[in-house]
């Protein structure tokens, strides 16, 4: 079960992610920043929701572990930085069980984590 996004202090998550040399190396490049600027935060948040619903929410996503590109969209970069890129990472970092479809609350949580990282890194 993932932490509730309301009233949940995510500082321990951010501290753990910062200690990971893999997770902490992700940065928005010029292409992703330009895309974010052109589309706006609301559109990017909708993209995040769409990506989470289509690529992560199923119990057994297609190509799990390889479904999230590493670049070319701000959400993809944020997903790797926040460990919301595949079901194994969701289980390890966010305690969201594999092989069970994501609930609406878990989708909202993932989107909130992704968007927090994007806002913090722009």
N, C-alpha and C. Protein backbone atom coordinates (compact mmCIF):
# COMPACT_ATOMS: atom_id res chain seq x y z
N UNK A 1 0.85 -1.19 0.00
CA UNK A 1 0.00 0.00 0.00
C UNK A 1 0.88 1.24 0.00
N UNK A 2 0.58 2.15 -0.88
CA UNK A 2 1.39 3.37 -0.97
C UNK A 2 0.97 4.35 0.11
N UNK A 3 1.84 5.27 0.43
CA UNK A 3 1.46 6.31 1.38
C UNK A 3 0.32 7.14 0.81
N UNK A 4 -0.52 7.63 1.67
CA UNK A 4 -1.58 8.53 1.22
C UNK A 4 -0.93 9.82 0.78
N UNK A 5 -1.41 10.39 -0.32
CA UNK A 5 -0.77 11.62 -0.76
C UNK A 5 -1.22 12.79 0.08
N UNK A 6 -2.37 12.69 0.75
CA UNK A 6 -2.76 13.74 1.68
C UNK A 6 -2.12 13.45 3.03
N UNK A 7 -1.57 14.46 3.62
CA UNK A 7 -0.99 14.39 4.96
C UNK A 7 0.25 13.50 5.05
N UNK A 8 0.76 13.01 3.95
CA UNK A 8 1.93 12.14 4.01
C UNK A 8 3.18 12.98 3.80
N UNK A 9 4.11 12.85 4.70
CA UNK A 9 5.38 13.52 4.57
C UNK A 9 6.27 12.66 3.67
N UNK A 10 6.59 13.16 2.51
CA UNK A 10 7.38 12.39 1.57
C UNK A 10 8.88 12.66 1.68
N UNK A 11 9.28 13.39 2.70
CA UNK A 11 10.71 13.66 2.88
C UNK A 11 11.55 12.39 2.90
N UNK A 12 11.13 11.32 3.59
CA UNK A 12 11.95 10.10 3.56
C UNK A 12 12.13 9.55 2.14
N UNK A 13 11.10 9.65 1.31
CA UNK A 13 11.22 9.20 -0.08
C UNK A 13 12.26 10.04 -0.81
N UNK A 14 12.14 11.37 -0.71
CA UNK A 14 13.09 12.25 -1.42
C UNK A 14 14.52 12.02 -0.92
N UNK A 15 14.68 11.81 0.38
CA UNK A 15 16.01 11.55 0.93
C UNK A 15 16.59 10.24 0.40
N UNK A 16 15.77 9.21 0.32
CA UNK A 16 16.23 7.92 -0.21
C UNK A 16 16.58 8.03 -1.69
N UNK A 17 15.74 8.70 -2.45
CA UNK A 17 16.01 8.86 -3.88
C UNK A 17 17.30 9.65 -4.10
N UNK A 18 17.55 10.65 -3.26
CA UNK A 18 18.75 11.47 -3.38
C UNK A 18 20.02 10.65 -3.11
N UNK A 19 19.91 9.60 -2.31
CA UNK A 19 21.05 8.75 -2.01
C UNK A 19 21.36 7.76 -3.13
N UNK A 20 20.44 7.59 -4.04
CA UNK A 20 20.63 6.66 -5.15
C UNK A 20 21.40 7.36 -6.26
N UNK A 21 22.57 6.85 -6.61
CA UNK A 21 23.33 7.48 -7.69
C UNK A 21 22.58 7.39 -9.01
N UNK A 22 21.83 6.33 -9.22
CA UNK A 22 21.04 6.20 -10.45
C UNK A 22 19.91 7.22 -10.48
N UNK A 23 19.10 7.26 -9.45
CA UNK A 23 17.93 8.15 -9.42
C UNK A 23 18.33 9.62 -9.41
N UNK A 24 19.37 9.96 -8.70
CA UNK A 24 19.74 11.36 -8.54
C UNK A 24 20.43 11.96 -9.76
N UNK A 25 20.77 11.14 -10.73
CA UNK A 25 21.45 11.68 -11.92
C UNK A 25 20.50 12.26 -12.95
N UNK A 26 19.21 12.03 -12.80
CA UNK A 26 18.25 12.50 -13.80
C UNK A 26 18.00 13.99 -13.68
N UNK A 27 18.04 14.65 -14.83
CA UNK A 27 17.78 16.08 -14.94
C UNK A 27 16.97 16.31 -16.20
N UNK A 28 16.15 17.33 -16.19
CA UNK A 28 15.43 17.70 -17.40
C UNK A 28 16.42 18.38 -18.35
N UNK A 29 16.48 17.88 -19.57
CA UNK A 29 17.35 18.47 -20.58
C UNK A 29 16.63 19.63 -21.27
N UNK A 30 17.35 20.24 -22.18
CA UNK A 30 16.79 21.38 -22.91
C UNK A 30 15.51 21.01 -23.65
N UNK A 31 15.51 19.84 -24.29
CA UNK A 31 14.34 19.39 -25.04
C UNK A 31 13.12 19.22 -24.12
N UNK A 32 13.32 18.60 -22.96
CA UNK A 32 12.20 18.39 -22.03
C UNK A 32 11.72 19.71 -21.43
N UNK A 33 12.63 20.61 -21.13
CA UNK A 33 12.25 21.94 -20.59
C UNK A 33 11.46 22.74 -21.62
N UNK A 34 11.88 22.67 -22.85
CA UNK A 34 11.18 23.38 -23.92
C UNK A 34 9.77 22.81 -24.08
N UNK A 35 9.67 21.50 -24.08
CA UNK A 35 8.36 20.84 -24.21
C UNK A 35 7.44 21.25 -23.07
N UNK A 36 7.97 21.24 -21.86
CA UNK A 36 7.21 21.65 -20.68
C UNK A 36 6.74 23.09 -20.81
N UNK A 37 7.62 23.96 -21.25
CA UNK A 37 7.29 25.37 -21.43
C UNK A 37 6.20 25.56 -22.49
N UNK A 38 6.31 24.83 -23.57
CA UNK A 38 5.34 24.95 -24.66
C UNK A 38 3.98 24.40 -24.28
N UNK A 39 3.95 23.26 -23.62
CA UNK A 39 2.69 22.58 -23.31
C UNK A 39 2.03 23.10 -22.03
N UNK A 40 2.83 23.49 -21.06
CA UNK A 40 2.30 23.94 -19.78
C UNK A 40 2.18 22.80 -18.78
N UNK A 41 2.16 23.16 -17.52
CA UNK A 41 2.15 22.18 -16.43
C UNK A 41 0.87 21.33 -16.45
N UNK A 42 -0.27 21.94 -16.73
CA UNK A 42 -1.54 21.20 -16.73
C UNK A 42 -1.52 20.08 -17.77
N UNK A 43 -1.00 20.38 -18.96
CA UNK A 43 -0.93 19.35 -20.01
C UNK A 43 0.05 18.25 -19.63
N UNK A 44 1.17 18.63 -19.04
CA UNK A 44 2.16 17.64 -18.62
C UNK A 44 1.59 16.75 -17.53
N UNK A 45 0.82 17.32 -16.62
CA UNK A 45 0.18 16.51 -15.58
C UNK A 45 -0.80 15.52 -16.20
N UNK A 46 -1.52 15.94 -17.22
CA UNK A 46 -2.44 15.02 -17.90
C UNK A 46 -1.66 13.92 -18.61
N UNK A 47 -0.53 14.27 -19.20
CA UNK A 47 0.32 13.25 -19.82
C UNK A 47 0.78 12.25 -18.76
N UNK A 48 1.20 12.76 -17.60
CA UNK A 48 1.64 11.88 -16.51
C UNK A 48 0.53 10.91 -16.13
N UNK A 49 -0.67 11.43 -15.99
CA UNK A 49 -1.81 10.58 -15.62
C UNK A 49 -2.06 9.53 -16.71
N UNK A 50 -2.01 9.94 -17.96
CA UNK A 50 -2.22 9.00 -19.07
C UNK A 50 -1.14 7.92 -19.10
N UNK A 51 0.12 8.34 -18.92
CA UNK A 51 1.22 7.37 -18.92
C UNK A 51 1.10 6.39 -17.76
N UNK A 52 0.79 6.88 -16.58
CA UNK A 52 0.65 6.00 -15.42
C UNK A 52 -0.50 5.03 -15.64
N UNK A 53 -1.62 5.53 -16.10
CA UNK A 53 -2.78 4.65 -16.33
C UNK A 53 -2.49 3.58 -17.40
N UNK A 54 -1.84 3.97 -18.47
CA UNK A 54 -1.64 3.01 -19.57
C UNK A 54 -0.42 2.12 -19.37
N UNK A 55 0.64 2.63 -18.77
CA UNK A 55 1.90 1.90 -18.69
C UNK A 55 2.18 1.26 -17.34
N UNK A 56 1.55 1.75 -16.27
CA UNK A 56 1.83 1.22 -14.93
C UNK A 56 0.63 0.61 -14.24
N UNK A 57 -0.55 1.14 -14.50
CA UNK A 57 -1.73 0.73 -13.74
C UNK A 57 -2.15 -0.73 -13.93
N UNK A 58 -1.97 -1.32 -15.11
CA UNK A 58 -2.37 -2.73 -15.23
C UNK A 58 -1.57 -3.62 -14.28
N UNK A 59 -2.19 -4.72 -13.90
CA UNK A 59 -1.52 -5.65 -12.99
C UNK A 59 -0.21 -6.18 -13.58
N UNK A 60 -0.21 -6.42 -14.87
CA UNK A 60 0.98 -6.92 -15.57
C UNK A 60 1.21 -6.09 -16.83
N UNK A 61 1.79 -4.91 -16.67
CA UNK A 61 1.97 -4.03 -17.83
C UNK A 61 2.84 -4.67 -18.91
N UNK A 62 2.53 -4.34 -20.15
CA UNK A 62 3.33 -4.81 -21.28
C UNK A 62 4.75 -4.26 -21.14
N UNK A 63 5.73 -5.12 -21.35
CA UNK A 63 7.15 -4.75 -21.29
C UNK A 63 7.55 -4.15 -19.94
N UNK A 64 6.95 -4.65 -18.86
CA UNK A 64 7.26 -4.08 -17.55
C UNK A 64 8.77 -4.12 -17.30
N UNK A 65 9.28 -3.00 -16.85
CA UNK A 65 10.71 -2.85 -16.62
C UNK A 65 11.41 -2.19 -17.79
N UNK A 66 10.71 -2.12 -18.92
CA UNK A 66 11.28 -1.50 -20.11
C UNK A 66 10.27 -0.57 -20.79
N UNK A 67 9.18 -0.26 -20.12
CA UNK A 67 8.11 0.50 -20.76
C UNK A 67 8.29 2.00 -20.73
N UNK A 68 9.23 2.50 -19.95
CA UNK A 68 9.39 3.94 -19.80
C UNK A 68 10.71 4.39 -20.42
N UNK A 69 10.64 5.18 -21.49
CA UNK A 69 11.88 5.71 -22.08
C UNK A 69 12.63 6.57 -21.06
N UNK A 70 13.91 6.76 -21.29
CA UNK A 70 14.75 7.51 -20.36
C UNK A 70 14.77 9.01 -20.64
N UNK A 71 14.27 9.44 -21.81
CA UNK A 71 14.35 10.85 -22.17
C UNK A 71 13.26 11.19 -23.18
N UNK A 72 13.26 12.44 -23.61
CA UNK A 72 12.37 12.97 -24.64
C UNK A 72 10.99 13.39 -24.15
N UNK A 73 10.72 13.29 -22.88
CA UNK A 73 9.48 13.82 -22.29
C UNK A 73 9.76 14.07 -20.81
N UNK A 74 9.31 15.21 -20.28
CA UNK A 74 9.58 15.50 -18.86
C UNK A 74 9.05 14.42 -17.92
N UNK A 75 7.92 13.83 -18.26
CA UNK A 75 7.35 12.79 -17.40
C UNK A 75 8.25 11.56 -17.37
N UNK A 76 8.79 11.17 -18.50
CA UNK A 76 9.66 9.98 -18.53
C UNK A 76 10.88 10.19 -17.64
N UNK A 77 11.50 11.35 -17.75
CA UNK A 77 12.67 11.65 -16.91
C UNK A 77 12.27 11.62 -15.44
N UNK A 78 11.14 12.25 -15.12
CA UNK A 78 10.67 12.29 -13.73
C UNK A 78 10.33 10.89 -13.22
N UNK A 79 9.78 10.05 -14.06
CA UNK A 79 9.44 8.69 -13.62
C UNK A 79 10.70 7.94 -13.20
N UNK A 80 11.78 8.08 -13.94
CA UNK A 80 13.03 7.41 -13.54
C UNK A 80 13.61 8.04 -12.28
N UNK A 81 13.55 9.35 -12.20
CA UNK A 81 14.09 10.05 -11.02
C UNK A 81 13.31 9.70 -9.75
N UNK A 82 12.03 9.41 -9.89
CA UNK A 82 11.17 9.15 -8.73
C UNK A 82 10.83 7.67 -8.54
N UNK A 83 11.40 6.81 -9.36
CA UNK A 83 11.14 5.37 -9.26
C UNK A 83 9.66 5.03 -9.46
N UNK A 84 9.03 5.76 -10.37
CA UNK A 84 7.66 5.46 -10.76
C UNK A 84 7.64 5.00 -12.22
N UNK A 85 8.70 4.33 -12.63
CA UNK A 85 8.90 3.94 -14.02
C UNK A 85 8.41 2.54 -14.35
N UNK A 86 8.34 1.65 -13.38
CA UNK A 86 7.88 0.28 -13.62
C UNK A 86 7.32 -0.29 -12.31
N UNK A 87 6.69 -1.43 -12.41
CA UNK A 87 6.06 -2.01 -11.23
C UNK A 87 7.07 -2.49 -10.21
N UNK A 88 8.25 -2.94 -10.64
CA UNK A 88 9.28 -3.35 -9.68
C UNK A 88 9.76 -2.16 -8.86
N UNK A 89 9.96 -1.03 -9.52
CA UNK A 89 10.38 0.18 -8.79
C UNK A 89 9.27 0.68 -7.88
N UNK A 90 8.04 0.61 -8.35
CA UNK A 90 6.92 1.03 -7.48
C UNK A 90 6.87 0.18 -6.22
N UNK A 91 7.13 -1.11 -6.36
CA UNK A 91 7.10 -1.98 -5.19
C UNK A 91 8.28 -1.69 -4.26
N UNK A 92 9.47 -1.57 -4.83
CA UNK A 92 10.67 -1.36 -4.02
C UNK A 92 10.66 -0.01 -3.31
N UNK A 93 10.36 1.06 -4.03
CA UNK A 93 10.50 2.41 -3.50
C UNK A 93 9.23 2.97 -2.86
N UNK A 94 8.08 2.50 -3.32
CA UNK A 94 6.81 3.10 -2.88
C UNK A 94 5.87 2.11 -2.19
N UNK A 95 6.32 0.86 -2.08
CA UNK A 95 5.52 -0.18 -1.41
C UNK A 95 4.17 -0.42 -2.09
N UNK A 96 4.13 -0.29 -3.40
CA UNK A 96 2.91 -0.58 -4.17
C UNK A 96 3.11 -1.96 -4.80
N UNK A 97 2.31 -2.90 -4.39
CA UNK A 97 2.47 -4.30 -4.79
C UNK A 97 2.34 -4.51 -6.30
N UNK A 98 3.19 -5.42 -6.80
CA UNK A 98 3.12 -5.83 -8.20
C UNK A 98 1.94 -6.79 -8.39
N UNK A 99 1.60 -7.00 -9.65
CA UNK A 99 0.58 -7.96 -10.07
C UNK A 99 -0.83 -7.65 -9.55
N UNK A 100 -1.04 -6.41 -9.12
CA UNK A 100 -2.36 -5.94 -8.70
C UNK A 100 -2.57 -4.61 -9.42
N UNK A 101 -3.70 -4.42 -10.10
CA UNK A 101 -3.91 -3.14 -10.78
C UNK A 101 -3.82 -1.97 -9.79
N UNK A 102 -3.29 -0.85 -10.25
CA UNK A 102 -3.22 0.33 -9.39
C UNK A 102 -4.63 0.86 -9.14
N UNK A 103 -4.88 1.26 -7.91
CA UNK A 103 -6.14 1.91 -7.57
C UNK A 103 -6.08 3.36 -8.05
N UNK A 104 -7.22 4.02 -8.06
CA UNK A 104 -7.25 5.44 -8.42
C UNK A 104 -6.36 6.24 -7.47
N UNK A 105 -6.37 5.88 -6.18
CA UNK A 105 -5.53 6.57 -5.20
C UNK A 105 -4.05 6.38 -5.52
N UNK A 106 -3.66 5.19 -5.93
CA UNK A 106 -2.26 4.93 -6.27
C UNK A 106 -1.85 5.67 -7.54
N UNK A 107 -2.76 5.75 -8.51
CA UNK A 107 -2.49 6.54 -9.72
C UNK A 107 -2.29 8.00 -9.33
N UNK A 108 -3.19 8.53 -8.50
CA UNK A 108 -3.07 9.93 -8.05
C UNK A 108 -1.75 10.15 -7.31
N UNK A 109 -1.37 9.21 -6.48
CA UNK A 109 -0.12 9.30 -5.74
C UNK A 109 1.07 9.37 -6.71
N UNK A 110 1.12 8.47 -7.67
CA UNK A 110 2.23 8.44 -8.63
C UNK A 110 2.31 9.76 -9.40
N UNK A 111 1.17 10.25 -9.85
CA UNK A 111 1.14 11.52 -10.59
C UNK A 111 1.62 12.65 -9.69
N UNK A 112 1.19 12.66 -8.44
CA UNK A 112 1.61 13.71 -7.51
C UNK A 112 3.13 13.69 -7.30
N UNK A 113 3.70 12.50 -7.16
CA UNK A 113 5.15 12.37 -6.97
C UNK A 113 5.89 12.86 -8.22
N UNK A 114 5.43 12.44 -9.38
CA UNK A 114 6.05 12.85 -10.64
C UNK A 114 5.98 14.37 -10.79
N UNK A 115 4.81 14.93 -10.56
CA UNK A 115 4.64 16.37 -10.76
C UNK A 115 5.42 17.19 -9.71
N UNK A 116 5.52 16.67 -8.52
CA UNK A 116 6.34 17.35 -7.50
C UNK A 116 7.79 17.44 -7.97
N UNK A 117 8.30 16.33 -8.49
CA UNK A 117 9.68 16.33 -8.97
C UNK A 117 9.85 17.31 -10.14
N UNK A 118 8.91 17.30 -11.06
CA UNK A 118 9.00 18.20 -12.21
C UNK A 118 9.00 19.65 -11.75
N UNK A 119 8.08 20.00 -10.86
CA UNK A 119 8.02 21.38 -10.36
C UNK A 119 9.30 21.78 -9.64
N UNK A 120 9.83 20.86 -8.87
CA UNK A 120 11.04 21.12 -8.09
C UNK A 120 12.27 21.25 -9.00
N UNK A 121 12.23 20.65 -10.17
CA UNK A 121 13.40 20.61 -11.04
C UNK A 121 13.26 21.46 -12.31
N UNK A 122 12.38 22.45 -12.27
CA UNK A 122 12.27 23.36 -13.42
C UNK A 122 12.63 24.77 -13.01
